[in-house]
Amino acid sequence: MMLYLQNLSYIFPNKTKLFNGLNLSVQKGEKLALVGNNGAGKSTLLHLISGQIAPTNGHIICDGKIYVVSQHFGQLNEETIAEALQISNKLKALHAILEGDVSEENYDALADDWDIENRIHEVLKQWNLPELNLHQKLSTLSGGQKTKLFLAGVDIHQADLVLMDEPSNHLDVASRQQLYQFIQTTNKA
């Protein structure tokens, strides 16, 4: 089992009940789509699963690394691409080690991910973003480029469970086709 929701309940701070007694299990490699009207709670459920918010009751068990492709990323506009992808500390640690700073802190930050730079460049090429500079601000990208960047993050982070919230937003026809192909061929849950 990859993900298990047991008797999950969520009540908004204003006391409005969204979920009560929700149960769900997702196996490794299984793909699941949440479909519903606006305001039905799809994004909130993803926030619960990813740990961004806590359930009122119940349990969420996940066996693996979660990566979220959000539909909203405006709050990250002042961050660099590396910061927005949450890879800047790992890259800094890699460079520090390569320059001779072999501290335990750097090794812990790198987490034995020695090929991260090569993986980043390969994945950005796959998503037609080879020209991106990891030090440029996220605000310099178009909406479609931002979406593709965070989709690239799935493979950069080597996630086991991928949560996508309206991932086709801002994508042109060719990029949507690439997204659909990615979803069909990935073995991630």
N, C-alpha and C. Protein backbone atom coordinates (compact mmCIF):
# COMPACT_ATOMS: atom_id res chain seq x y z
N MET A 1 0.85 -1.19 0.00
CA MET A 1 0.00 0.00 0.00
C MET A 1 0.89 1.24 0.00
N MET A 2 0.53 2.22 -0.80
CA MET A 2 1.27 3.47 -0.91
C MET A 2 0.66 4.55 -0.02
N LEU A 3 -0.66 4.67 -0.08
CA LEU A 3 -1.37 5.71 0.66
C LEU A 3 -2.64 5.12 1.25
N TYR A 4 -2.89 5.46 2.50
CA TYR A 4 -4.09 4.96 3.17
C TYR A 4 -4.69 6.08 4.00
N LEU A 5 -5.95 6.40 3.73
CA LEU A 5 -6.70 7.36 4.53
C LEU A 5 -7.71 6.56 5.33
N GLN A 6 -7.70 6.74 6.63
CA GLN A 6 -8.59 5.98 7.50
C GLN A 6 -9.46 6.90 8.32
N ASN A 7 -10.77 6.81 8.08
CA ASN A 7 -11.77 7.55 8.84
C ASN A 7 -11.44 9.04 8.93
N LEU A 8 -11.04 9.61 7.79
CA LEU A 8 -10.57 10.99 7.72
C LEU A 8 -11.74 11.97 7.79
N SER A 9 -11.59 12.96 8.64
CA SER A 9 -12.58 14.03 8.75
C SER A 9 -11.84 15.36 8.73
N TYR A 10 -12.51 16.35 8.15
CA TYR A 10 -11.94 17.70 8.17
C TYR A 10 -13.06 18.70 8.34
N ILE A 11 -12.88 19.58 9.30
CA ILE A 11 -13.82 20.66 9.56
C ILE A 11 -13.05 21.97 9.44
N PHE A 12 -13.56 22.88 8.61
CA PHE A 12 -12.92 24.19 8.44
C PHE A 12 -12.97 24.97 9.75
N PRO A 13 -12.08 25.96 9.90
CA PRO A 13 -12.10 26.78 11.12
C PRO A 13 -13.46 27.42 11.40
N ASN A 14 -14.26 27.68 10.35
CA ASN A 14 -15.59 28.27 10.56
C ASN A 14 -16.63 27.22 10.94
N LYS A 15 -16.17 25.98 11.21
CA LYS A 15 -17.00 24.85 11.66
C LYS A 15 -17.77 24.15 10.54
N THR A 16 -17.52 24.51 9.29
CA THR A 16 -18.15 23.82 8.16
C THR A 16 -17.46 22.47 7.97
N LYS A 17 -18.26 21.40 7.95
CA LYS A 17 -17.70 20.06 7.78
C LYS A 17 -17.51 19.78 6.29
N LEU A 18 -16.30 19.36 5.92
CA LEU A 18 -16.01 19.04 4.52
C LEU A 18 -16.01 17.54 4.29
N PHE A 19 -15.29 16.80 5.13
CA PHE A 19 -15.22 15.34 5.03
C PHE A 19 -15.57 14.75 6.38
N ASN A 20 -16.18 13.57 6.35
CA ASN A 20 -16.45 12.85 7.59
C ASN A 20 -16.35 11.35 7.30
N GLY A 21 -15.39 10.69 7.93
CA GLY A 21 -15.26 9.24 7.79
C GLY A 21 -14.77 8.78 6.43
N LEU A 22 -13.93 9.58 5.79
CA LEU A 22 -13.41 9.23 4.46
C LEU A 22 -12.35 8.15 4.56
N ASN A 23 -12.49 7.10 3.75
CA ASN A 23 -11.51 6.02 3.68
C ASN A 23 -11.06 5.86 2.24
N LEU A 24 -9.76 5.64 2.06
CA LEU A 24 -9.21 5.50 0.71
C LEU A 24 -7.87 4.77 0.81
N SER A 25 -7.62 3.88 -0.14
CA SER A 25 -6.29 3.28 -0.24
C SER A 25 -5.84 3.34 -1.69
N VAL A 26 -4.58 3.66 -1.87
CA VAL A 26 -3.98 3.75 -3.20
C VAL A 26 -2.73 2.89 -3.19
N GLN A 27 -2.63 1.99 -4.15
CA GLN A 27 -1.49 1.08 -4.25
C GLN A 27 -0.38 1.73 -5.08
N LYS A 28 0.84 1.24 -4.91
CA LYS A 28 1.98 1.72 -5.69
C LYS A 28 1.67 1.54 -7.17
N GLY A 29 1.90 2.60 -7.95
CA GLY A 29 1.67 2.57 -9.39
C GLY A 29 0.24 2.83 -9.80
N GLU A 30 -0.69 2.86 -8.85
CA GLU A 30 -2.10 3.11 -9.16
C GLU A 30 -2.30 4.60 -9.42
N LYS A 31 -3.15 4.90 -10.38
CA LYS A 31 -3.47 6.29 -10.70
C LYS A 31 -4.92 6.55 -10.34
N LEU A 32 -5.16 7.70 -9.75
CA LEU A 32 -6.48 8.05 -9.26
C LEU A 32 -6.75 9.50 -9.60
N ALA A 33 -7.94 9.80 -10.11
CA ALA A 33 -8.33 11.18 -10.40
C ALA A 33 -9.49 11.56 -9.51
N LEU A 34 -9.39 12.71 -8.88
CA LEU A 34 -10.50 13.26 -8.10
C LEU A 34 -11.24 14.23 -9.00
N VAL A 35 -12.51 13.97 -9.18
CA VAL A 35 -13.33 14.81 -10.04
C VAL A 35 -14.50 15.32 -9.21
N GLY A 36 -14.77 16.61 -9.34
CA GLY A 36 -15.89 17.18 -8.60
C GLY A 36 -16.06 18.65 -8.92
N ASN A 37 -17.15 19.20 -8.45
CA ASN A 37 -17.45 20.61 -8.67
C ASN A 37 -16.44 21.49 -7.93
N ASN A 38 -16.36 22.74 -8.36
CA ASN A 38 -15.56 23.72 -7.62
C ASN A 38 -16.07 23.79 -6.19
N GLY A 39 -15.15 23.81 -5.25
CA GLY A 39 -15.52 23.90 -3.85
C GLY A 39 -15.88 22.58 -3.20
N ALA A 40 -15.75 21.48 -3.93
CA ALA A 40 -16.12 20.17 -3.39
C ALA A 40 -15.09 19.64 -2.39
N GLY A 41 -13.87 20.21 -2.40
CA GLY A 41 -12.86 19.80 -1.44
C GLY A 41 -11.69 19.03 -2.02
N LYS A 42 -11.55 19.03 -3.34
CA LYS A 42 -10.45 18.29 -3.97
C LYS A 42 -9.09 18.84 -3.54
N SER A 43 -8.92 20.14 -3.63
CA SER A 43 -7.63 20.75 -3.25
C SER A 43 -7.38 20.59 -1.76
N THR A 44 -8.41 20.71 -0.95
CA THR A 44 -8.25 20.53 0.50
C THR A 44 -7.80 19.11 0.81
N LEU A 45 -8.36 18.13 0.12
CA LEU A 45 -7.94 16.75 0.33
C LEU A 45 -6.46 16.57 -0.02
N LEU A 46 -6.02 17.18 -1.11
CA LEU A 46 -4.60 17.11 -1.47
C LEU A 46 -3.73 17.77 -0.41
N HIS A 47 -4.20 18.88 0.15
CA HIS A 47 -3.45 19.55 1.22
C HIS A 47 -3.37 18.67 2.47
N LEU A 48 -4.44 17.94 2.75
CA LEU A 48 -4.42 17.02 3.88
C LEU A 48 -3.42 15.89 3.65
N ILE A 49 -3.47 15.28 2.47
CA ILE A 49 -2.57 14.16 2.16
C ILE A 49 -1.11 14.60 2.20
N SER A 50 -0.84 15.80 1.69
CA SER A 50 0.54 16.28 1.64
C SER A 50 1.04 16.81 2.98
N GLY A 51 0.16 16.92 3.96
CA GLY A 51 0.57 17.39 5.27
C GLY A 51 0.57 18.90 5.42
N GLN A 52 0.06 19.62 4.44
CA GLN A 52 0.01 21.08 4.52
C GLN A 52 -1.00 21.54 5.56
N ILE A 53 -2.05 20.74 5.76
CA ILE A 53 -3.02 20.99 6.83
C ILE A 53 -3.28 19.66 7.52
N ALA A 54 -3.77 19.73 8.75
CA ALA A 54 -4.01 18.52 9.54
C ALA A 54 -5.49 18.16 9.52
N PRO A 55 -5.80 16.87 9.50
CA PRO A 55 -7.20 16.47 9.56
C PRO A 55 -7.78 16.74 10.95
N THR A 56 -9.08 16.90 11.01
CA THR A 56 -9.75 17.04 12.29
C THR A 56 -9.72 15.71 13.03
N ASN A 57 -9.96 14.63 12.30
CA ASN A 57 -9.91 13.27 12.85
C ASN A 57 -9.39 12.34 11.77
N GLY A 58 -8.98 11.16 12.20
CA GLY A 58 -8.56 10.14 11.26
C GLY A 58 -7.06 10.10 11.07
N HIS A 59 -6.64 9.20 10.18
CA HIS A 59 -5.22 8.97 9.96
C HIS A 59 -4.89 8.98 8.48
N ILE A 60 -3.70 9.48 8.18
CA ILE A 60 -3.15 9.45 6.82
C ILE A 60 -1.81 8.74 6.92
N ILE A 61 -1.68 7.64 6.19
CA ILE A 61 -0.44 6.86 6.19
C ILE A 61 0.07 6.83 4.76
N CYS A 62 1.32 7.25 4.58
CA CYS A 62 1.93 7.25 3.25
C CYS A 62 3.29 6.58 3.33
N ASP A 63 3.49 5.59 2.48
CA ASP A 63 4.77 4.89 2.41
C ASP A 63 5.57 5.45 1.25
N GLY A 64 6.22 6.57 1.44
CA GLY A 64 7.04 7.13 0.37
C GLY A 64 7.09 8.63 0.41
N LYS A 65 7.85 9.17 -0.52
CA LYS A 65 8.06 10.61 -0.64
C LYS A 65 6.94 11.21 -1.49
N ILE A 66 6.30 12.26 -0.96
CA ILE A 66 5.21 12.95 -1.65
C ILE A 66 5.75 14.18 -2.36
N TYR A 67 5.24 14.41 -3.56
CA TYR A 67 5.55 15.65 -4.28
C TYR A 67 4.24 16.23 -4.78
N VAL A 68 4.06 17.54 -4.59
CA VAL A 68 2.82 18.22 -4.96
C VAL A 68 3.06 19.17 -6.12
N VAL A 69 2.22 19.05 -7.15
CA VAL A 69 2.17 20.03 -8.23
C VAL A 69 0.91 20.84 -7.98
N SER A 70 1.08 22.03 -7.43
CA SER A 70 -0.04 22.87 -7.03
C SER A 70 -0.57 23.66 -8.21
N GLN A 71 -1.83 24.08 -8.11
CA GLN A 71 -2.36 24.96 -9.14
C GLN A 71 -2.04 26.42 -8.84
N HIS A 72 -1.61 26.71 -7.62
CA HIS A 72 -1.28 28.07 -7.21
C HIS A 72 0.20 28.13 -6.82
N PHE A 73 0.95 29.04 -7.46
CA PHE A 73 2.35 29.18 -7.10
C PHE A 73 2.78 30.64 -7.06
N GLY A 74 1.83 31.56 -7.02
CA GLY A 74 2.14 32.98 -6.96
C GLY A 74 2.92 33.38 -5.72
N GLN A 75 2.71 32.67 -4.61
CA GLN A 75 3.42 32.99 -3.37
C GLN A 75 4.91 32.69 -3.47
N LEU A 76 5.31 31.97 -4.54
CA LEU A 76 6.72 31.62 -4.73
C LEU A 76 7.43 32.53 -5.72
N ASN A 77 6.75 33.53 -6.25
CA ASN A 77 7.30 34.35 -7.34
C ASN A 77 8.62 35.03 -7.00
N GLU A 78 8.86 35.38 -5.76
CA GLU A 78 10.10 36.07 -5.40
C GLU A 78 11.24 35.11 -5.10
N GLU A 79 10.95 33.82 -5.14
CA GLU A 79 12.00 32.82 -4.92
C GLU A 79 12.70 32.51 -6.23
N THR A 80 13.92 32.00 -6.12
CA THR A 80 14.60 31.51 -7.32
C THR A 80 13.95 30.19 -7.72
N ILE A 81 14.23 29.75 -8.93
CA ILE A 81 13.70 28.47 -9.38
C ILE A 81 14.17 27.35 -8.45
N ALA A 82 15.45 27.38 -8.07
CA ALA A 82 15.98 26.34 -7.17
C ALA A 82 15.27 26.36 -5.82
N GLU A 83 14.99 27.56 -5.30
CA GLU A 83 14.28 27.66 -4.02
C GLU A 83 12.85 27.17 -4.16
N ALA A 84 12.17 27.56 -5.23
CA ALA A 84 10.78 27.14 -5.44
C ALA A 84 10.68 25.63 -5.58
N LEU A 85 11.67 25.01 -6.22
CA LEU A 85 11.69 23.55 -6.36
C LEU A 85 12.21 22.85 -5.10
N GLN A 86 12.64 23.63 -4.12
CA GLN A 86 13.17 23.12 -2.85
C GLN A 86 14.40 22.24 -3.07
N ILE A 87 15.29 22.71 -3.96
CA ILE A 87 16.54 21.99 -4.22
C ILE A 87 17.77 22.86 -3.95
N SER A 88 17.57 24.10 -3.53
CA SER A 88 18.72 25.01 -3.36
C SER A 88 19.68 24.53 -2.28
N ASN A 89 19.17 24.04 -1.15
CA ASN A 89 20.06 23.57 -0.08
C ASN A 89 20.88 22.37 -0.52
N LYS A 90 20.25 21.47 -1.26
CA LYS A 90 20.96 20.29 -1.75
C LYS A 90 22.05 20.69 -2.73
N LEU A 91 21.74 21.64 -3.63
CA LEU A 91 22.74 22.10 -4.59
C LEU A 91 23.89 22.83 -3.91
N LYS A 92 23.56 23.67 -2.92
CA LYS A 92 24.61 24.37 -2.16
C LYS A 92 25.52 23.36 -1.46
N ALA A 93 24.93 22.33 -0.88
CA ALA A 93 25.72 21.31 -0.19
C ALA A 93 26.62 20.57 -1.18
N LEU A 94 26.09 20.22 -2.35
CA LEU A 94 26.90 19.54 -3.36
C LEU A 94 28.11 20.38 -3.75
N HIS A 95 27.87 21.66 -4.03
CA HIS A 95 28.96 22.54 -4.44
C HIS A 95 29.97 22.74 -3.30
N ALA A 96 29.47 22.84 -2.08
CA ALA A 96 30.39 23.00 -0.94
C ALA A 96 31.28 21.77 -0.79
N ILE A 97 30.70 20.59 -0.94
CA ILE A 97 31.49 19.35 -0.84
C ILE A 97 32.52 19.29 -1.95
N LEU A 98 32.09 19.63 -3.17
CA LEU A 98 33.02 19.59 -4.31
C LEU A 98 34.16 20.60 -4.16
N GLU A 99 33.91 21.67 -3.37
CA GLU A 99 34.94 22.68 -3.12
C GLU A 99 35.74 22.38 -1.86
N GLY A 100 35.49 21.22 -1.23
CA GLY A 100 36.31 20.80 -0.10
C GLY A 100 35.67 20.86 1.27
N ASP A 101 34.46 21.44 1.39
CA ASP A 101 33.79 21.51 2.68
C ASP A 101 33.01 20.21 2.90
N VAL A 102 33.67 19.23 3.50
CA VAL A 102 33.08 17.91 3.65
C VAL A 102 32.43 17.74 5.03
N SER A 103 31.72 18.76 5.46
CA SER A 103 31.08 18.72 6.78
C SER A 103 29.90 17.74 6.78
N GLU A 104 29.59 17.26 7.96
CA GLU A 104 28.45 16.35 8.12
C GLU A 104 27.15 17.05 7.69
N GLU A 105 27.06 18.34 7.98
CA GLU A 105 25.87 19.11 7.59
C GLU A 105 25.66 19.08 6.08
N ASN A 106 26.73 19.25 5.32
CA ASN A 106 26.62 19.21 3.86
C ASN A 106 26.25 17.82 3.36
N TYR A 107 26.86 16.79 3.94
CA TYR A 107 26.52 15.42 3.54
C TYR A 107 25.06 15.11 3.86
N ASP A 108 24.58 15.57 5.01
CA ASP A 108 23.17 15.35 5.37
C ASP A 108 22.24 16.07 4.40
N ALA A 109 22.58 17.32 4.04
CA ALA A 109 21.75 18.09 3.12
C ALA A 109 21.72 17.45 1.73
N LEU A 110 22.85 16.92 1.28
CA LEU A 110 22.92 16.29 -0.04
C LEU A 110 22.17 14.97 -0.06
N ALA A 111 22.13 14.28 1.06
CA ALA A 111 21.39 13.02 1.20
C ALA A 111 21.78 12.00 0.12
N ASP A 112 23.06 11.93 -0.17
CA ASP A 112 23.61 10.95 -1.12
C ASP A 112 23.04 11.10 -2.53
N ASP A 113 22.59 12.29 -2.87
CA ASP A 113 21.99 12.55 -4.19
C ASP A 113 23.04 13.18 -5.10
N TRP A 114 24.09 12.44 -5.41
CA TRP A 114 25.24 12.97 -6.14
C TRP A 114 24.93 13.35 -7.57
N ASP A 115 23.91 12.80 -8.16
CA ASP A 115 23.62 13.10 -9.57
C ASP A 115 22.50 14.13 -9.74
N ILE A 116 22.20 14.89 -8.69
CA ILE A 116 21.08 15.82 -8.76
C ILE A 116 21.24 16.85 -9.88
N GLU A 117 22.42 17.41 -10.08
CA GLU A 117 22.58 18.42 -11.14
C GLU A 117 22.31 17.83 -12.52
N ASN A 118 22.86 16.67 -12.79
CA ASN A 118 22.61 16.03 -14.08
C ASN A 118 21.14 15.71 -14.27
N ARG A 119 20.50 15.22 -13.20
CA ARG A 119 19.07 14.88 -13.27
C ARG A 119 18.24 16.14 -13.54
N ILE A 120 18.57 17.23 -12.87
CA ILE A 120 17.85 18.49 -13.08
C ILE A 120 17.92 18.90 -14.54
N HIS A 121 19.11 18.91 -15.10
CA HIS A 121 19.28 19.36 -16.49
C HIS A 121 18.57 18.42 -17.47
N GLU A 122 18.63 17.13 -17.23
CA GLU A 122 17.95 16.16 -18.10
C GLU A 122 16.44 16.33 -18.04
N VAL A 123 15.92 16.48 -16.83
CA VAL A 123 14.47 16.61 -16.66
C VAL A 123 13.97 17.93 -17.24
N LEU A 124 14.71 19.02 -17.04
CA LEU A 124 14.31 20.30 -17.62
C LEU A 124 14.29 20.21 -19.15
N LYS A 125 15.23 19.49 -19.72
CA LYS A 125 15.23 19.29 -21.18
C LYS A 125 13.99 18.52 -21.61
N GLN A 126 13.63 17.49 -20.85
CA GLN A 126 12.46 16.68 -21.18
C GLN A 126 11.18 17.52 -21.20
N TRP A 127 11.11 18.52 -20.34
CA TRP A 127 9.94 19.39 -20.27
C TRP A 127 10.12 20.66 -21.11
N ASN A 128 11.09 20.65 -22.02
CA ASN A 128 11.36 21.77 -22.93
C ASN A 128 11.68 23.06 -22.19
N LEU A 129 12.47 22.94 -21.13
CA LEU A 129 12.89 24.09 -20.33
C LEU A 129 14.41 24.12 -20.16
N PRO A 130 15.19 23.77 -21.20
CA PRO A 130 16.64 23.67 -21.01
C PRO A 130 17.32 25.00 -20.75
N GLU A 131 16.67 26.11 -21.13
CA GLU A 131 17.29 27.42 -21.00
C GLU A 131 17.17 28.03 -19.61
N LEU A 132 16.44 27.39 -18.72
CA LEU A 132 16.22 27.96 -17.40
C LEU A 132 17.50 28.00 -16.58
N ASN A 133 17.65 29.11 -15.87
CA ASN A 133 18.75 29.29 -14.93
C ASN A 133 18.14 29.10 -13.54
N LEU A 134 18.67 28.20 -12.77
CA LEU A 134 18.10 27.89 -11.46
C LEU A 134 18.15 29.07 -10.49
N HIS A 135 18.94 30.11 -10.83
CA HIS A 135 19.05 31.29 -9.96
C HIS A 135 18.08 32.40 -10.35
N GLN A 136 17.37 32.24 -11.47
CA GLN A 136 16.43 33.29 -11.86
C GLN A 136 15.16 33.18 -11.02
N LYS A 137 14.49 34.32 -10.88
CA LYS A 137 13.26 34.38 -10.09
C LYS A 137 12.14 33.65 -10.82
N LEU A 138 11.30 33.00 -10.05
CA LEU A 138 10.15 32.30 -10.61
C LEU A 138 9.23 33.28 -11.34
N SER A 139 9.19 34.52 -10.88
CA SER A 139 8.32 35.54 -11.48
C SER A 139 8.67 35.83 -12.93
N THR A 140 9.87 35.44 -13.38
CA THR A 140 10.27 35.70 -14.77
C THR A 140 9.69 34.67 -15.74
N LEU A 141 9.02 33.64 -15.23
CA LEU A 141 8.47 32.58 -16.08
C LEU A 141 7.00 32.83 -16.38
N SER A 142 6.56 32.32 -17.51
CA SER A 142 5.13 32.37 -17.84
C SER A 142 4.40 31.33 -16.99
N GLY A 143 3.08 31.39 -16.99
CA GLY A 143 2.30 30.40 -16.25
C GLY A 143 2.56 28.98 -16.73
N GLY A 144 2.66 28.79 -18.04
CA GLY A 144 2.94 27.47 -18.60
C GLY A 144 4.31 26.97 -18.21
N GLN A 145 5.31 27.86 -18.23
CA GLN A 145 6.67 27.45 -17.83
C GLN A 145 6.70 27.05 -16.35
N LYS A 146 5.97 27.79 -15.51
CA LYS A 146 5.92 27.44 -14.09
C LYS A 146 5.29 26.06 -13.89
N THR A 147 4.19 25.81 -14.58
CA THR A 147 3.54 24.51 -14.46
C THR A 147 4.47 23.40 -14.90
N LYS A 148 5.14 23.58 -16.05
CA LYS A 148 6.07 22.55 -16.53
C LYS A 148 7.24 22.38 -15.57
N LEU A 149 7.70 23.47 -14.97
CA LEU A 149 8.79 23.40 -14.00
C LEU A 149 8.40 22.51 -12.82
N PHE A 150 7.20 22.72 -12.28
CA PHE A 150 6.79 21.92 -11.13
C PHE A 150 6.47 20.48 -11.53
N LEU A 151 6.03 20.27 -12.76
CA LEU A 151 5.88 18.90 -13.26
C LEU A 151 7.26 18.24 -13.36
N ALA A 152 8.26 18.99 -13.79
CA ALA A 152 9.63 18.46 -13.84
C ALA A 152 10.11 18.08 -12.44
N GLY A 153 9.62 18.80 -11.44
CA GLY A 153 10.00 18.51 -10.07
C GLY A 153 9.67 17.10 -9.62
N VAL A 154 8.67 16.49 -10.25
CA VAL A 154 8.31 15.11 -9.91
C VAL A 154 9.54 14.21 -10.06
N ASP A 155 10.21 14.31 -11.21
CA ASP A 155 11.38 13.47 -11.46
C ASP A 155 12.65 14.01 -10.81
N ILE A 156 12.72 15.31 -10.62
CA ILE A 156 13.88 15.87 -9.91
C ILE A 156 13.92 15.33 -8.48
N HIS A 157 12.75 15.30 -7.85
CA HIS A 157 12.67 14.83 -6.46
C HIS A 157 12.54 13.32 -6.34
N GLN A 158 12.33 12.65 -7.44
CA GLN A 158 12.17 11.19 -7.44
C GLN A 158 11.09 10.77 -6.45
N ALA A 159 9.93 11.41 -6.57
CA ALA A 159 8.82 11.18 -5.66
C ALA A 159 8.18 9.81 -5.90
N ASP A 160 7.61 9.26 -4.83
CA ASP A 160 6.88 8.01 -4.92
C ASP A 160 5.39 8.24 -5.14
N LEU A 161 4.88 9.32 -4.54
CA LEU A 161 3.46 9.67 -4.64
C LEU A 161 3.38 11.09 -5.17
N VAL A 162 2.66 11.29 -6.25
CA VAL A 162 2.54 12.60 -6.88
C VAL A 162 1.10 13.07 -6.76
N LEU A 163 0.92 14.27 -6.21
CA LEU A 163 -0.39 14.90 -6.10
C LEU A 163 -0.41 16.09 -7.04
N MET A 164 -1.33 16.07 -8.00
CA MET A 164 -1.41 17.16 -8.98
C MET A 164 -2.76 17.84 -8.85
N ASP A 165 -2.72 19.15 -8.67
CA ASP A 165 -3.94 19.94 -8.54
C ASP A 165 -4.11 20.77 -9.82
N GLU A 166 -4.98 20.32 -10.69
CA GLU A 166 -5.24 20.95 -11.98
C GLU A 166 -3.94 21.19 -12.76
N PRO A 167 -3.19 20.13 -13.03
CA PRO A 167 -1.87 20.29 -13.64
C PRO A 167 -1.87 20.77 -15.08
N SER A 168 -3.01 20.72 -15.76
CA SER A 168 -3.03 21.18 -17.15
C SER A 168 -3.26 22.69 -17.27
N ASN A 169 -3.50 23.36 -16.13
CA ASN A 169 -3.66 24.82 -16.16
C ASN A 169 -2.43 25.47 -16.79
N HIS A 170 -2.64 26.45 -17.61
CA HIS A 170 -1.59 27.28 -18.22
C HIS A 170 -0.79 26.56 -19.31
N LEU A 171 -1.09 25.29 -19.61
CA LEU A 171 -0.30 24.56 -20.59
C LEU A 171 -0.89 24.69 -21.99
N ASP A 172 -0.02 24.80 -22.98
CA ASP A 172 -0.47 24.79 -24.37
C ASP A 172 -0.79 23.35 -24.77
N VAL A 173 -1.29 23.17 -25.99
CA VAL A 173 -1.73 21.85 -26.44
C VAL A 173 -0.59 20.83 -26.40
N ALA A 174 0.58 21.20 -26.89
CA ALA A 174 1.71 20.26 -26.91
C ALA A 174 2.14 19.87 -25.49
N SER A 175 2.14 20.83 -24.59
CA SER A 175 2.53 20.54 -23.21
C SER A 175 1.48 19.69 -22.51
N ARG A 176 0.21 19.90 -22.84
CA ARG A 176 -0.84 19.04 -22.28
C ARG A 176 -0.65 17.60 -22.74
N GLN A 177 -0.33 17.43 -24.01
CA GLN A 177 -0.08 16.08 -24.52
C GLN A 177 1.09 15.45 -23.78
N GLN A 178 2.14 16.23 -23.52
CA GLN A 178 3.29 15.73 -22.78
C GLN A 178 2.88 15.34 -21.36
N LEU A 179 2.04 16.15 -20.73
CA LEU A 179 1.54 15.83 -19.39
C LEU A 179 0.76 14.52 -19.41
N TYR A 180 -0.15 14.36 -20.37
CA TYR A 180 -0.96 13.15 -20.43
C TYR A 180 -0.09 11.92 -20.65
N GLN A 181 0.92 12.06 -21.50
CA GLN A 181 1.86 10.96 -21.74
C GLN A 181 2.63 10.62 -20.46
N PHE A 182 3.05 11.66 -19.75
CA PHE A 182 3.77 11.46 -18.49
C PHE A 182 2.91 10.69 -17.49
N ILE A 183 1.65 11.10 -17.37
CA ILE A 183 0.74 10.43 -16.43
C ILE A 183 0.54 8.97 -16.83
N GLN A 184 0.39 8.72 -18.12
CA GLN A 184 0.17 7.34 -18.59
C GLN A 184 1.38 6.45 -18.34
N THR A 185 2.57 6.98 -18.50
CA THR A 185 3.76 6.13 -18.46
C THR A 185 4.46 6.08 -17.10
N THR A 186 4.15 6.99 -16.21
CA THR A 186 4.84 6.98 -14.92
C THR A 186 4.39 5.79 -14.08
N ASN A 187 5.29 5.29 -13.27
CA ASN A 187 4.94 4.19 -12.37
C ASN A 187 4.74 4.67 -10.94
N LYS A 188 4.60 5.96 -10.78
CA LYS A 188 4.38 6.53 -9.45
C LYS A 188 2.89 6.50 -9.14
N ALA A 189 2.57 6.49 -7.86
CA ALA A 189 1.16 6.52 -7.46
C ALA A 189 0.66 7.94 -7.55
